[in-house]
Amino acid sequence: MQSARLRPYRNRHGGSGVRAWSISDDTLSIEFVDGAVYDYRRQDIGSRLFAAACSAARAGRGLSTCVSRHLRQRYAQRHVDRAAWAARQRAGARR
């Protein structure tokens, strides 16, 4: 897995629960306003939903809705905050 950085979510309509996102290989990582970062993997949510979520992240709209309606608890991993997520990224990059 290549090392990735969280990009600020554009939040075009305001009021989103999403703060930032990152796509690395087949994983979409989403940081929510509470600070937690969730990893959603293509193999866990399916190619169609993965593509839709990635598209919403890039567009800066609809990602929070996609998560709440379709992804919900189907995450692969939860990190308590951005620092924990970054540490996991660095550890994965060294493998």
Protein backbone atom coordinates (compact mmCIF):
# COMPACT_ATOMS: atom_id res chain seq x y z
CA MET A 1 0.00 0.00 0.00
CA GLN A 2 1.36 3.40 -0.90
CA SER A 3 1.39 6.14 1.70
CA ALA A 4 -1.49 8.57 1.35
CA ARG A 5 -2.58 11.91 2.76
CA LEU A 6 -6.04 12.99 3.74
CA ARG A 7 -7.40 15.68 1.45
CA PRO A 8 -9.88 18.26 2.74
CA TYR A 9 -13.44 17.46 1.67
CA ARG A 10 -14.88 20.35 -0.32
CA ASN A 11 -18.33 20.01 1.28
CA ARG A 12 -20.03 21.93 -1.51
CA HIS A 13 -23.45 21.96 0.13
CA GLY A 14 -22.26 22.59 3.69
CA GLY A 15 -23.19 20.67 6.79
CA SER A 16 -21.42 17.44 5.86
CA GLY A 17 -20.14 15.09 8.53
CA VAL A 18 -17.05 14.46 6.38
CA ARG A 19 -13.86 16.46 7.01
CA ALA A 20 -11.32 14.76 4.70
CA TRP A 21 -10.73 11.74 2.46
CA SER A 22 -8.02 9.69 0.77
CA ILE A 23 -7.95 6.97 -1.86
CA SER A 24 -5.05 4.54 -1.79
CA ASP A 25 -5.08 1.33 -3.81
CA ASP A 26 -8.48 -0.23 -3.10
CA THR A 27 -9.20 1.67 0.11
CA LEU A 28 -11.18 4.85 0.64
CA SER A 29 -10.37 6.50 3.97
CA ILE A 30 -12.81 9.06 5.35
CA GLU A 31 -12.20 11.40 8.27
CA PHE A 32 -15.40 12.54 9.95
CA VAL A 33 -15.92 15.74 11.93
CA ASP A 34 -15.58 13.82 15.22
CA GLY A 35 -11.96 13.09 14.20
CA ALA A 36 -12.32 9.35 13.57
CA VAL A 37 -11.03 7.96 10.28
CA TYR A 38 -12.72 4.95 8.68
CA ASP A 39 -11.26 2.75 5.94
CA TYR A 40 -13.69 1.30 3.40
CA ARG A 41 -12.24 -1.38 1.12
CA ARG A 42 -13.49 -2.25 -2.34
CA GLN A 43 -13.61 -5.95 -1.44
CA ASP A 44 -15.88 -5.23 1.55
CA ILE A 45 -18.35 -2.84 -0.07
CA GLY A 46 -18.25 -3.93 -3.70
CA SER A 47 -16.89 -2.23 -6.79
CA ARG A 48 -20.05 -0.27 -7.59
CA LEU A 49 -20.36 1.35 -4.15
CA PHE A 50 -16.61 1.88 -3.94
CA ALA A 51 -16.62 3.73 -7.26
CA ALA A 52 -19.64 5.82 -6.23
CA ALA A 53 -18.07 6.77 -2.88
CA CYS A 54 -14.75 7.69 -4.53
CA SER A 55 -16.57 9.79 -7.10
CA ALA A 56 -18.49 11.61 -4.34
CA ALA A 57 -15.24 12.25 -2.45
CA ARG A 58 -13.56 13.72 -5.53
CA ALA A 59 -16.62 15.85 -6.37
CA GLY A 60 -16.92 17.22 -2.84
CA ARG A 61 -20.59 16.36 -2.51
CA GLY A 62 -22.69 13.37 -1.53
CA LEU A 63 -20.07 11.40 0.40
CA SER A 64 -21.74 11.68 3.81
CA THR A 65 -25.05 10.62 2.27
CA CYS A 66 -23.39 7.66 0.53
CA VAL A 67 -21.87 6.52 3.81
CA SER A 68 -25.08 6.90 5.81
CA ARG A 69 -27.29 5.21 3.21
CA HIS A 70 -25.06 2.46 1.86
CA LEU A 71 -21.75 1.93 3.63
CA ARG A 72 -22.58 2.47 7.31
CA GLN A 73 -20.89 -0.27 9.36
CA ARG A 74 -19.17 -1.96 6.42
CA TYR A 75 -15.81 -0.36 7.17
CA ALA A 76 -12.64 -2.44 7.33
CA GLN A 77 -10.96 -0.43 10.07
CA ARG A 78 -11.65 2.49 12.38
CA HIS A 79 -8.87 4.80 13.58
CA VAL A 80 -9.50 7.05 16.57
CA ASP A 81 -7.97 10.06 14.85
CA ARG A 82 -5.84 11.29 11.96
CA ALA A 83 -2.57 10.55 13.80
CA ALA A 84 -3.55 6.90 14.34
CA TRP A 85 -4.55 6.62 10.68
CA ALA A 86 -1.24 8.15 9.55
CA ALA A 87 0.73 5.78 11.78
CA ARG A 88 -1.09 2.83 10.22
CA GLN A 89 -0.34 4.20 6.73
CA ARG A 90 3.36 4.47 7.54
CA ALA A 91 3.43 0.95 8.98
CA GLY A 92 1.68 -0.41 5.88
CA ALA A 93 4.09 1.39 3.56
CA ARG A 94 7.05 -0.32 5.23
CA ARG A 95 5.68 -3.80 4.59
